[in-house]
Amino acid sequence: MAQREREDIRNALCQKGFREDNNDHYYYTLIYNNQVTSIFTKISKGSKYKTIQSGLLSLMSKQMKLSNKEFLDFIDCDLTDINYIKLLKERKILR
């Protein structure tokens, strides 16, 4: 069963082009070419969510238009920001 630490996910998102908005949850929106895109995800601030389990990781991967493996690669830095954008363009999600 896959799981990742919340801080590792937050760091990966912020380093790879997502803007963090800190409200009741941590909200992330992909910024591309200085424009806000429709790609988003969020992470709970709750103390029981310091480690994110596979169910939530799967939901986040869908929100980011990635497979589960691709999302884990994104978090673990095997999928770079450049390659992430390239994938989104190939899938015609971004232009």
Protein backbone atom coordinates (compact mmCIF):
# COMPACT_ATOMS: atom_id res chain seq x y z
CA MET A 1 0.00 0.00 0.00
CA ALA A 2 1.45 3.37 -1.04
CA GLN A 3 1.67 6.27 1.34
CA ARG A 4 3.59 9.52 1.43
CA GLU A 5 4.26 12.17 4.04
CA ARG A 6 2.15 15.31 3.71
CA GLU A 7 5.24 17.56 3.82
CA ASP A 8 6.89 15.63 0.97
CA ILE A 9 3.78 16.15 -1.16
CA ARG A 10 3.56 19.83 -0.26
CA ASN A 11 7.22 20.38 -1.13
CA ALA A 12 6.92 18.57 -4.48
CA LEU A 13 3.84 20.58 -5.47
CA CYS A 14 5.39 23.92 -4.55
CA GLN A 15 8.68 23.11 -6.30
CA LYS A 16 6.93 22.06 -9.51
CA GLY A 17 4.76 25.03 -10.38
CA PHE A 18 1.79 24.83 -8.00
CA ARG A 19 0.65 27.84 -5.99
CA GLU A 20 -0.28 27.06 -2.40
CA ASP A 21 -3.26 28.80 -0.80
CA ASN A 22 -3.43 28.27 2.93
CA ASN A 23 -7.06 28.19 4.14
CA ASP A 24 -8.97 25.44 5.97
CA HIS A 25 -6.92 23.02 3.81
CA TYR A 26 -3.79 23.49 1.74
CA TYR A 27 -5.06 24.22 -1.78
CA TYR A 28 -2.78 23.89 -4.83
CA THR A 29 -3.32 25.25 -8.32
CA LEU A 30 -0.93 24.73 -11.22
CA ILE A 31 0.40 27.97 -12.67
CA TYR A 32 1.58 27.62 -16.27
CA ASN A 33 2.84 30.50 -18.45
CA ASN A 34 1.87 32.87 -15.62
CA GLN A 35 -1.75 31.70 -15.92
CA VAL A 36 -3.90 29.82 -13.45
CA THR A 37 -4.87 26.41 -14.90
CA SER A 38 -7.73 24.07 -14.06
CA ILE A 39 -5.29 21.58 -12.49
CA PHE A 40 -5.72 21.57 -8.71
CA THR A 41 -5.59 19.46 -5.60
CA LYS A 42 -5.81 19.94 -1.84
CA ILE A 43 -4.40 18.45 1.34
CA SER A 44 -6.01 18.39 4.76
CA LYS A 45 -4.29 20.14 7.66
CA GLY A 46 -5.71 17.63 10.15
CA SER A 47 -3.28 15.90 12.50
CA LYS A 48 -4.37 12.47 11.29
CA TYR A 49 -3.31 13.39 7.74
CA LYS A 50 0.44 13.78 8.32
CA THR A 51 0.83 10.58 6.31
CA ILE A 52 -1.39 10.41 3.22
CA GLN A 53 -2.69 6.91 2.47
CA SER A 54 -3.28 5.30 -0.93
CA GLY A 55 -6.96 6.27 -1.22
CA LEU A 56 -6.24 9.98 -0.95
CA LEU A 57 -3.12 9.65 -3.10
CA SER A 58 -5.30 8.09 -5.81
CA LEU A 59 -7.79 10.96 -5.61
CA MET A 60 -4.99 13.52 -5.82
CA SER A 61 -3.47 11.75 -8.84
CA LYS A 62 -6.81 11.98 -10.68
CA GLN A 63 -7.11 15.69 -9.84
CA MET A 64 -3.63 16.23 -11.27
CA LYS A 65 -4.45 14.16 -14.40
CA LEU A 66 -1.82 11.50 -13.59
CA SER A 67 -1.84 7.76 -13.02
CA ASN A 68 -1.12 6.61 -9.48
CA LYS A 69 2.43 5.62 -10.44
CA GLU A 70 3.04 8.94 -12.21
CA PHE A 71 1.82 10.83 -9.14
CA LEU A 72 4.14 8.87 -6.85
CA ASP A 73 6.98 9.62 -9.30
CA PHE A 74 5.98 13.30 -9.15
CA ILE A 75 6.21 13.31 -5.35
CA ASP A 76 9.46 11.32 -5.32
CA CYS A 77 10.98 13.70 -7.93
CA ASP A 78 11.33 11.02 -10.62
CA LEU A 79 8.81 13.04 -12.68
CA THR A 80 10.13 16.56 -13.16
CA ASP A 81 8.03 19.68 -13.58
CA ILE A 82 9.10 19.86 -17.24
CA ASN A 83 8.04 16.26 -17.90
CA TYR A 84 4.77 16.81 -16.01
CA ILE A 85 3.90 19.75 -18.28
CA LYS A 86 4.95 17.68 -21.30
CA LEU A 87 2.56 14.89 -20.23
CA LEU A 88 -0.30 17.36 -19.79
CA LYS A 89 0.35 18.76 -23.26
CA GLU A 90 0.49 15.29 -24.82
CA ARG A 91 -2.84 14.50 -23.19
CA LYS A 92 -4.22 17.80 -24.55
CA ILE A 93 -4.98 19.07 -21.05
CA LEU A 94 -2.65 22.06 -21.55
CA ARG A 95 -1.72 23.90 -24.72
